[in-house]
Protein backbone atom coordinates (compact mmCIF):
# COMPACT_ATOMS: atom_id res chain seq x y z
CA MET A 1 -13.12 6.09 -2.63
CA ILE A 2 -10.29 8.81 -3.40
CA THR A 3 -11.16 11.66 -5.87
CA LEU A 4 -8.40 13.84 -6.63
CA ASP A 5 -8.54 17.09 -9.13
CA PRO A 6 -6.37 20.24 -9.24
CA VAL A 7 -8.35 21.86 -6.06
CA HIS A 8 -9.63 19.07 -3.89
CA THR A 9 -8.75 15.49 -2.75
CA ARG A 10 -11.90 13.90 -1.57
CA ILE A 11 -12.11 10.66 0.39
CA GLU A 12 -15.20 8.56 1.10
CA LYS A 13 -15.35 5.50 3.28
CA GLY A 14 -18.32 3.29 3.94
CA ALA A 15 -19.63 -0.26 2.88
CA GLN A 16 -22.73 0.15 0.57
CA ARG A 17 -23.15 3.86 1.49
CA ILE A 18 -20.93 6.66 2.34
CA ASP A 19 -20.51 6.59 6.50
CA GLN A 20 -17.53 9.12 6.33
CA ARG A 21 -16.42 11.93 4.18
CA TRP A 22 -13.40 14.15 3.96
CA GLU A 23 -12.11 16.79 1.77
CA PHE A 24 -8.70 18.14 1.53
CA GLN A 25 -7.05 21.08 -0.64
CA THR A 26 -4.98 18.83 -3.34
CA PRO A 27 -1.84 21.24 -3.34
CA TRP A 28 -1.39 21.30 0.59
CA ILE A 29 -1.82 17.39 1.07
CA GLN A 30 0.90 15.21 2.18
CA ILE A 31 0.92 11.43 1.44
CA LEU A 32 2.42 9.46 4.09
CA GLU A 33 3.52 5.78 4.23
CA GLU A 34 4.70 4.38 7.63
CA SER A 35 5.52 0.87 8.49
CA TYR A 36 5.02 -0.90 11.96
CA VAL A 37 5.49 -4.20 13.24
CA VAL A 38 2.55 -5.82 15.22
CA HIS A 39 2.47 -9.65 14.28
CA ASN A 40 3.25 -9.09 10.64
CA SER A 41 4.92 -6.04 9.20
CA ARG A 42 2.05 -3.56 8.19
CA ARG A 43 2.01 -0.46 6.01
CA MET A 44 0.05 2.32 6.63
CA LEU A 45 -0.80 5.21 4.30
CA THR A 46 -2.31 8.23 5.53
CA ILE A 47 -3.49 11.55 3.56
CA ARG A 48 -3.01 14.69 5.81
CA MET A 49 -3.33 18.50 5.40
CA ASN A 50 -2.93 21.09 8.33
CA GLY A 51 -3.19 18.19 11.20
CA GLU A 52 -6.04 16.32 9.91
CA PHE A 53 -5.59 13.23 8.60
CA VAL A 54 -7.22 10.24 7.28
CA GLU A 55 -6.00 6.46 6.92
CA VAL A 56 -6.58 4.71 3.58
CA GLY A 57 -6.16 1.50 2.03
CA SER A 58 -6.12 -0.13 5.33
CA PHE A 59 -7.63 -3.41 3.77
CA LEU A 60 -4.74 -3.89 1.13
CA ALA A 61 -2.07 -6.22 1.04
CA ASN A 62 1.48 -4.65 1.45
CA SER A 63 2.21 -5.08 -2.16
CA GLU A 64 -1.29 -3.31 -3.09
CA MET A 65 -0.44 -0.42 -0.42
CA GLY A 66 2.74 0.16 -2.15
CA GLU A 67 0.90 0.31 -5.95
CA LEU A 68 -1.58 2.72 -4.37
CA VAL A 69 1.14 5.20 -2.81
CA PHE A 70 2.41 5.18 -6.01
CA GLN A 71 -0.47 5.96 -8.14
CA LEU A 72 -1.67 8.63 -5.69
CA LYS A 73 1.80 10.47 -5.85
CA ASP A 74 1.71 10.23 -9.71
CA CYS A 75 -1.78 11.47 -9.91
CA ILE A 76 -0.79 14.57 -7.72
CA ILE A 77 2.07 15.21 -10.18
CA HIS A 78 0.07 15.16 -13.10
CA ILE A 79 -2.92 17.13 -12.35
């Protein structure tokens, strides 16, 4: 789960319960999208701040990943 507000961006990962949690300062985060080829083209989305990064959406299809990138950037612009 990704939660954004003007001060903090929180990322929580886990199945049925939260196994990992990160918190970044929203004004300082970067949303980076990278592509690489293994057997199929794969997009990778990371949220970064000050050298710390978290990959998000690795389970999404490429088209869904593009929508997530758009939505995250749109949210950051409007908060």
